[in-house]
Amino acid sequence: VVKAHEYIYKQQNTVDGSKVEDTLGEGSLVPILNQFVKKLGPFGFNSFQILVIDFMHECDLGTWKSLFT
């Protein structure tokens, strides 16, 4: 993310340019730093590991209904 910021703001590349896209990779990441990353990143904290997976999008609605009824 820091490298993408450098490409955008210091080297004046476009946000959807090849340098920025190649740096961020295929994960659809956006070049934004939040407070979790700024404050806890130096201690090895990975903010992606605390995100809850939405299982509703992984299963069919009928499967959820049969599970809870």
PDB file of N, CA and C in Angstrom:
ATOM      1  N   VAL A   1       0.831  -1.186   0.000  1.00  0.00           N
ATOM      2  CA  VAL A   1       0.000   0.000   0.000  1.00  0.00           C
ATOM      3  C   VAL A   1       0.878   1.252   0.000  1.00  0.00           C
ATOM      4  N   VAL A   2       1.928   1.234   0.788  1.00  0.00           N
ATOM      5  CA  VAL A   2       2.829   2.387   0.845  1.00  0.00           C
ATOM      6  C   VAL A   2       3.490   2.605  -0.517  1.00  0.00           C
ATOM      7  N   LYS A   3       3.892   1.512  -1.154  1.00  0.00           N
ATOM      8  CA  LYS A   3       4.511   1.611  -2.478  1.00  0.00           C
ATOM      9  C   LYS A   3       3.513   2.158  -3.494  1.00  0.00           C
ATOM     10  N   ALA A   4       2.252   1.727  -3.417  1.00  0.00           N
ATOM     11  CA  ALA A   4       1.215   2.235  -4.319  1.00  0.00           C
ATOM     12  C   ALA A   4       0.990   3.726  -4.088  1.00  0.00           C
ATOM     13  N   HIS A   5       1.031   4.164  -2.834  1.00  0.00           N
ATOM     14  CA  HIS A   5       0.907   5.593  -2.518  1.00  0.00           C
ATOM     15  C   HIS A   5       2.041   6.388  -3.170  1.00  0.00           C
ATOM     16  N   GLU A   6       3.244   5.835  -3.117  1.00  0.00           N
ATOM     17  CA  GLU A   6       4.382   6.518  -3.738  1.00  0.00           C
ATOM     18  C   GLU A   6       4.178   6.658  -5.243  1.00  0.00           C
ATOM     19  N   TYR A   7       3.719   5.592  -5.882  1.00  0.00           N
ATOM     20  CA  TYR A   7       3.474   5.646  -7.328  1.00  0.00           C
ATOM     21  C   TYR A   7       2.418   6.696  -7.670  1.00  0.00           C
ATOM     22  N   ILE A   8       1.373   6.792  -6.855  1.00  0.00           N
ATOM     23  CA  ILE A   8       0.266   7.704  -7.155  1.00  0.00           C
ATOM     24  C   ILE A   8       0.638   9.148  -6.843  1.00  0.00           C
ATOM     25  N   TYR A   9       1.111   9.402  -5.631  1.00  0.00           N
ATOM     26  CA  TYR A   9       1.287  10.779  -5.179  1.00  0.00           C
ATOM     27  C   TYR A   9       2.653  11.379  -5.502  1.00  0.00           C
ATOM     28  N   LYS A  10       3.708  10.592  -5.422  1.00  0.00           N
ATOM     29  CA  LYS A  10       5.040  11.144  -5.662  1.00  0.00           C
ATOM     30  C   LYS A  10       5.453  11.060  -7.128  1.00  0.00           C
ATOM     31  N   GLN A  11       5.100   9.945  -7.779  1.00  0.00           N
ATOM     32  CA  GLN A  11       5.483   9.774  -9.179  1.00  0.00           C
ATOM     33  C   GLN A  11       4.348  10.123 -10.136  1.00  0.00           C
ATOM     34  N   GLN A  12       3.210  10.511  -9.598  1.00  0.00           N
ATOM     35  CA  GLN A  12       2.043  10.966 -10.352  1.00  0.00           C
ATOM     36  C   GLN A  12       1.553   9.950 -11.381  1.00  0.00           C
ATOM     37  N   ASN A  13       1.513   8.682 -10.991  1.00  0.00           N
ATOM     38  CA  ASN A  13       0.901   7.650 -11.821  1.00  0.00           C
ATOM     39  C   ASN A  13      -0.591   7.615 -11.536  1.00  0.00           C
ATOM     40  N   THR A  14      -1.365   7.079 -12.463  1.00  0.00           N
ATOM     41  CA  THR A  14      -2.807   6.985 -12.250  1.00  0.00           C
ATOM     42  C   THR A  14      -3.131   5.836 -11.309  1.00  0.00           C
ATOM     43  N   VAL A  15      -4.275   5.934 -10.657  1.00  0.00           N
ATOM     44  CA  VAL A  15      -4.689   4.916  -9.689  1.00  0.00           C
ATOM     45  C   VAL A  15      -4.876   3.567 -10.370  1.00  0.00           C
ATOM     46  N   ASP A  16      -5.389   3.575 -11.592  1.00  0.00           N
ATOM     47  CA  ASP A  16      -5.596   2.315 -12.307  1.00  0.00           C
ATOM     48  C   ASP A  16      -4.465   2.020 -13.288  1.00  0.00           C
ATOM     49  N   GLY A  17      -3.316   2.643 -13.079  1.00  0.00           N
ATOM     50  CA  GLY A  17      -2.160   2.415 -13.938  1.00  0.00           C
ATOM     51  C   GLY A  17      -1.500   1.077 -13.658  1.00  0.00           C
ATOM     52  N   SER A  18      -0.634   0.665 -14.568  1.00  0.00           N
ATOM     53  CA  SER A  18      -0.016  -0.662 -14.468  1.00  0.00           C
ATOM     54  C   SER A  18       0.897  -0.790 -13.249  1.00  0.00           C
ATOM     55  N   LYS A  19       1.629   0.256 -12.891  1.00  0.00           N
ATOM     56  CA  LYS A  19       2.522   0.167 -11.724  1.00  0.00           C
ATOM     57  C   LYS A  19       1.726  -0.051 -10.442  1.00  0.00           C
ATOM     58  N   VAL A  20       0.641   0.686 -10.287  1.00  0.00           N
ATOM     59  CA  VAL A  20      -0.185   0.553  -9.086  1.00  0.00           C
ATOM     60  C   VAL A  20      -0.880  -0.800  -9.077  1.00  0.00           C
ATOM     61  N   GLU A  21      -1.458  -1.201 -10.202  1.00  0.00           N
ATOM     62  CA  GLU A  21      -2.154  -2.488 -10.290  1.00  0.00           C
ATOM     63  C   GLU A  21      -1.203  -3.648 -10.008  1.00  0.00           C
ATOM     64  N   ASP A  22       0.006  -3.596 -10.562  1.00  0.00           N
ATOM     65  CA  ASP A  22       0.980  -4.664 -10.331  1.00  0.00           C
ATOM     66  C   ASP A  22       1.415  -4.721  -8.872  1.00  0.00           C
ATOM     67  N   THR A  23       1.510  -3.575  -8.229  1.00  0.00           N
ATOM     68  CA  THR A  23       1.924  -3.527  -6.825  1.00  0.00           C
ATOM     69  C   THR A  23       0.850  -4.085  -5.905  1.00  0.00           C
ATOM     70  N   LEU A  24      -0.412  -3.737  -6.164  1.00  0.00           N
ATOM     71  CA  LEU A  24      -1.501  -4.180  -5.289  1.00  0.00           C
ATOM     72  C   LEU A  24      -1.880  -5.630  -5.535  1.00  0.00           C
ATOM     73  N   GLY A  25      -1.598  -6.158  -6.705  1.00  0.00           N
ATOM     74  CA  GLY A  25      -1.854  -7.557  -6.989  1.00  0.00           C
ATOM     75  C   GLY A  25      -3.282  -7.846  -7.378  1.00  0.00           C
ATOM     76  N   GLU A  26      -3.616  -9.130  -7.370  1.00  0.00           N
ATOM     77  CA  GLU A  26      -4.920  -9.585  -7.831  1.00  0.00           C
ATOM     78  C   GLU A  26      -5.974  -9.583  -6.740  1.00  0.00           C
ATOM     79  N   GLY A  27      -5.679  -9.118  -5.556  1.00  0.00           N
ATOM     80  CA  GLY A  27      -6.619  -9.185  -4.449  1.00  0.00           C
ATOM     81  C   GLY A  27      -7.640  -8.073  -4.400  1.00  0.00           C
ATOM     82  N   SER A  28      -7.727  -7.273  -5.452  1.00  0.00           N
ATOM     83  CA  SER A  28      -8.653  -6.133  -5.483  1.00  0.00           C
ATOM     84  C   SER A  28      -8.408  -5.186  -4.311  1.00  0.00           C
ATOM     85  N   LEU A  29      -7.170  -5.043  -3.945  1.00  0.00           N
ATOM     86  CA  LEU A  29      -6.829  -4.162  -2.839  1.00  0.00           C
ATOM     87  C   LEU A  29      -6.885  -2.712  -3.287  1.00  0.00           C
ATOM     88  N   VAL A  30      -7.122  -1.826  -2.352  1.00  0.00           N
ATOM     89  CA  VAL A  30      -7.121  -0.393  -2.635  1.00  0.00           C
ATOM     90  C   VAL A  30      -6.013   0.255  -1.813  1.00  0.00           C
ATOM     91  N   PRO A  31      -5.379   1.305  -2.341  1.00  0.00           N
ATOM     92  CA  PRO A  31      -4.247   1.910  -1.628  1.00  0.00           C
ATOM     93  C   PRO A  31      -4.676   2.820  -0.489  1.00  0.00           C
ATOM     94  N   ILE A  32      -5.214   2.214   0.566  1.00  0.00           N
ATOM     95  CA  ILE A  32      -5.689   2.970   1.722  1.00  0.00           C
ATOM     96  C   ILE A  32      -5.070   2.388   2.992  1.00  0.00           C
ATOM     97  N   LEU A  33      -4.532   3.237   3.832  1.00  0.00           N
ATOM     98  CA  LEU A  33      -4.039   2.813   5.138  1.00  0.00           C
ATOM     99  C   LEU A  33      -5.050   3.247   6.189  1.00  0.00           C
ATOM    100  N   ASN A  34      -5.474   2.307   7.043  1.00  0.00           N
ATOM    101  CA  ASN A  34      -6.375   2.685   8.130  1.00  0.00           C
ATOM    102  C   ASN A  34      -5.600   2.694   9.444  1.00  0.00           C
ATOM    103  N   GLN A  35      -6.259   3.065  10.516  1.00  0.00           N
ATOM    104  CA  GLN A  35      -5.583   3.205  11.804  1.00  0.00           C
ATOM    105  C   GLN A  35      -5.092   1.872  12.356  1.00  0.00           C
ATOM    106  N   PHE A  36      -5.797   0.768  12.055  1.00  0.00           N
ATOM    107  CA  PHE A  36      -5.311  -0.538  12.505  1.00  0.00           C
ATOM    108  C   PHE A  36      -3.936  -0.814  11.907  1.00  0.00           C
ATOM    109  N   VAL A  37      -3.792  -0.549  10.626  1.00  0.00           N
ATOM    110  CA  VAL A  37      -2.529  -0.804   9.945  1.00  0.00           C
ATOM    111  C   VAL A  37      -1.446   0.149  10.443  1.00  0.00           C
ATOM    112  N   LYS A  38      -1.780   1.412  10.603  1.00  0.00           N
ATOM    113  CA  LYS A  38      -0.788   2.399  11.036  1.00  0.00           C
ATOM    114  C   LYS A  38      -0.274   2.126  12.443  1.00  0.00           C
ATOM    115  N   LYS A  39      -1.177   1.805  13.356  1.00  0.00           N
ATOM    116  CA  LYS A  39      -0.785   1.652  14.762  1.00  0.00           C
ATOM    117  C   LYS A  39      -0.296   0.246  15.104  1.00  0.00           C
ATOM    118  N   LEU A  40      -0.935  -0.778  14.523  1.00  0.00           N
ATOM    119  CA  LEU A  40      -0.610  -2.148  14.912  1.00  0.00           C
ATOM    120  C   LEU A  40       0.254  -2.887  13.896  1.00  0.00           C
ATOM    121  N   GLY A  41       0.387  -2.337  12.691  1.00  0.00           N
ATOM    122  CA  GLY A  41       1.204  -2.958  11.653  1.00  0.00           C
ATOM    123  C   GLY A  41       2.650  -3.179  12.052  1.00  0.00           C
ATOM    124  N   PRO A  42       3.297  -2.204  12.707  1.00  0.00           N
ATOM    125  CA  PRO A  42       4.690  -2.412  13.110  1.00  0.00           C
ATOM    126  C   PRO A  42       4.889  -3.587  14.075  1.00  0.00           C
ATOM    127  N   PHE A  43       3.815  -4.035  14.735  1.00  0.00           N
ATOM    128  CA  PHE A  43       3.905  -5.169  15.656  1.00  0.00           C
ATOM    129  C   PHE A  43       3.556  -6.487  14.979  1.00  0.00           C
ATOM    130  N   GLY A  44       3.363  -6.459  13.645  1.00  0.00           N
ATOM    131  CA  GLY A  44       3.056  -7.672  12.905  1.00  0.00           C
ATOM    132  C   GLY A  44       1.582  -7.997  12.830  1.00  0.00           C
ATOM    133  N   PHE A  45       0.720  -7.058  13.204  1.00  0.00           N
ATOM    134  CA  PHE A  45      -0.725  -7.276  13.177  1.00  0.00           C
ATOM    135  C   PHE A  45      -1.221  -7.300  11.737  1.00  0.00           C
ATOM    136  N   ASN A  46      -1.986  -8.328  11.388  1.00  0.00           N
ATOM    137  CA  ASN A  46      -2.560  -8.454  10.052  1.00  0.00           C
ATOM    138  C   ASN A  46      -4.055  -8.210  10.152  1.00  0.00           C
ATOM    139  N   SER A  47      -4.512  -7.081   9.643  1.00  0.00           N
ATOM    140  CA  SER A  47      -5.927  -6.720   9.784  1.00  0.00           C
ATOM    141  C   SER A  47      -6.849  -7.635   8.993  1.00  0.00           C
ATOM    142  N   PHE A  48      -6.348  -8.308   7.970  1.00  0.00           N
ATOM    143  CA  PHE A  48      -7.190  -9.207   7.186  1.00  0.00           C
ATOM    144  C   PHE A  48      -7.614 -10.435   7.992  1.00  0.00           C
ATOM    145  N   GLN A  49      -6.835 -10.809   8.988  1.00  0.00           N
ATOM    146  CA  GLN A  49      -7.167 -11.988   9.783  1.00  0.00           C
ATOM    147  C   GLN A  49      -8.310 -11.739  10.753  1.00  0.00           C
ATOM    148  N   ILE A  50      -8.648 -10.484  11.053  1.00  0.00           N
ATOM    149  CA  ILE A  50      -9.746 -10.217  11.979  1.00  0.00           C
ATOM    150  C   ILE A  50     -11.080 -10.037  11.269  1.00  0.00           C
ATOM    151  N   LEU A  51     -11.058 -10.006   9.940  1.00  0.00           N
ATOM    152  CA  LEU A  51     -12.298  -9.821   9.193  1.00  0.00           C
ATOM    153  C   LEU A  51     -13.134 -11.092   9.233  1.00  0.00           C
ATOM    154  N   VAL A  52     -14.406 -10.948   9.494  1.00  0.00           N
ATOM    155  CA  VAL A  52     -15.313 -12.088   9.570  1.00  0.00           C
ATOM    156  C   VAL A  52     -15.762 -12.449   8.163  1.00  0.00           C
ATOM    157  N   ILE A  53     -15.699 -13.720   7.862  1.00  0.00           N
ATOM    158  CA  ILE A  53     -16.152 -14.198   6.560  1.00  0.00           C
ATOM    159  C   ILE A  53     -17.666 -14.278   6.573  1.00  0.00           C
ATOM    160  N   ASP A  54     -18.282 -13.797   5.535  1.00  0.00           N
ATOM    161  CA  ASP A  54     -19.736 -13.846   5.419  1.00  0.00           C
ATOM    162  C   ASP A  54     -20.123 -15.182   4.784  1.00  0.00           C
ATOM    163  N   PHE A  55     -20.492 -16.156   5.624  1.00  0.00           N
ATOM    164  CA  PHE A  55     -20.822 -17.484   5.127  1.00  0.00           C
ATOM    165  C   PHE A  55     -22.106 -17.504   4.317  1.00  0.00           C
ATOM    166  N   MET A  56     -22.949 -16.502   4.489  1.00  0.00           N
ATOM    167  CA  MET A  56     -24.201 -16.451   3.738  1.00  0.00           C
ATOM    168  C   MET A  56     -23.933 -16.396   2.236  1.00  0.00           C
ATOM    169  N   HIS A  57     -22.836 -15.782   1.839  1.00  0.00           N
ATOM    170  CA  HIS A  57     -22.503 -15.708   0.425  1.00  0.00           C
ATOM    171  C   HIS A  57     -21.861 -16.995  -0.077  1.00  0.00           C
ATOM    172  N   GLU A  58     -21.443 -17.850   0.828  1.00  0.00           N
ATOM    173  CA  GLU A  58     -20.801 -19.092   0.436  1.00  0.00           C
ATOM    174  C   GLU A  58     -21.803 -20.230   0.263  1.00  0.00           C
ATOM    175  N   CYS A  59     -22.971 -20.120   0.857  1.00  0.00           N
ATOM    176  CA  CYS A  59     -23.969 -21.190   0.818  1.00  0.00           C
ATOM    177  C   CYS A  59     -25.251 -20.696   0.170  1.00  0.00           C
ATOM    178  N   ASP A  60     -26.014 -21.635  -0.304  1.00  0.00           N
ATOM    179  CA  ASP A  60     -27.327 -21.335  -0.864  1.00  0.00           C
ATOM    180  C   ASP A  60     -28.287 -21.011   0.277  1.00  0.00           C
ATOM    181  N   LEU A  61     -29.257 -20.138   0.036  1.00  0.00           N
ATOM    182  CA  LEU A  61     -30.212 -19.743   1.069  1.00  0.00           C
ATOM    183  C   LEU A  61     -30.985 -20.948   1.588  1.00  0.00           C
ATOM    184  N   GLY A  62     -31.296 -21.892   0.726  1.00  0.00           N
ATOM    185  CA  GLY A  62     -32.006 -23.102   1.146  1.00  0.00           C
ATOM    186  C   GLY A  62     -31.219 -23.912   2.162  1.00  0.00           C
ATOM    187  N   THR A  63     -29.910 -23.927   2.019  1.00  0.00           N
ATOM    188  CA  THR A  63     -29.058 -24.641   2.973  1.00  0.00           C
ATOM    189  C   THR A  63     -29.146 -23.995   4.349  1.00  0.00           C
ATOM    190  N   TRP A  64     -29.122 -22.666   4.418  1.00  0.00           N
ATOM    191  CA  TRP A  64     -29.249 -21.967   5.686  1.00  0.00           C
ATOM    192  C   TRP A  64     -30.612 -22.212   6.318  1.00  0.00           C
ATOM    193  N   LYS A  65     -31.678 -22.189   5.520  1.00  0.00           N
ATOM    194  CA  LYS A  65     -33.022 -22.410   6.061  1.00  0.00           C
ATOM    195  C   LYS A  65     -33.148 -23.805   6.638  1.00  0.00           C
ATOM    196  N   SER A  66     -32.627 -24.796   5.941  1.00  0.00           N
ATOM    197  CA  SER A  66     -32.721 -26.167   6.445  1.00  0.00           C
ATOM    198  C   SER A  66     -31.862 -26.368   7.684  1.00  0.00           C
ATOM    199  N   LEU A  67     -30.805 -25.620   7.809  1.00  0.00           N
ATOM    200  CA  LEU A  67     -29.929 -25.742   8.969  1.00  0.00           C
ATOM    201  C   LEU A  67     -30.585 -25.196  10.231  1.00  0.00           C
ATOM    202  N   PHE A  68     -31.327 -24.086  10.117  1.00  0.00           N
ATOM    203  CA  PHE A  68     -31.880 -23.422  11.289  1.00  0.00           C
ATOM    204  C   PHE A  68     -33.361 -23.689  11.530  1.00  0.00           C
ATOM    205  N   THR A  69     -34.008 -24.493  10.698  1.00  0.00           N
ATOM    206  CA  THR A  69     -35.431 -24.799  10.942  1.00  0.00           C
ATOM    207  C   THR A  69     -35.633 -26.259  11.220  1.00  0.00           C
TER     208      THR A  69
END
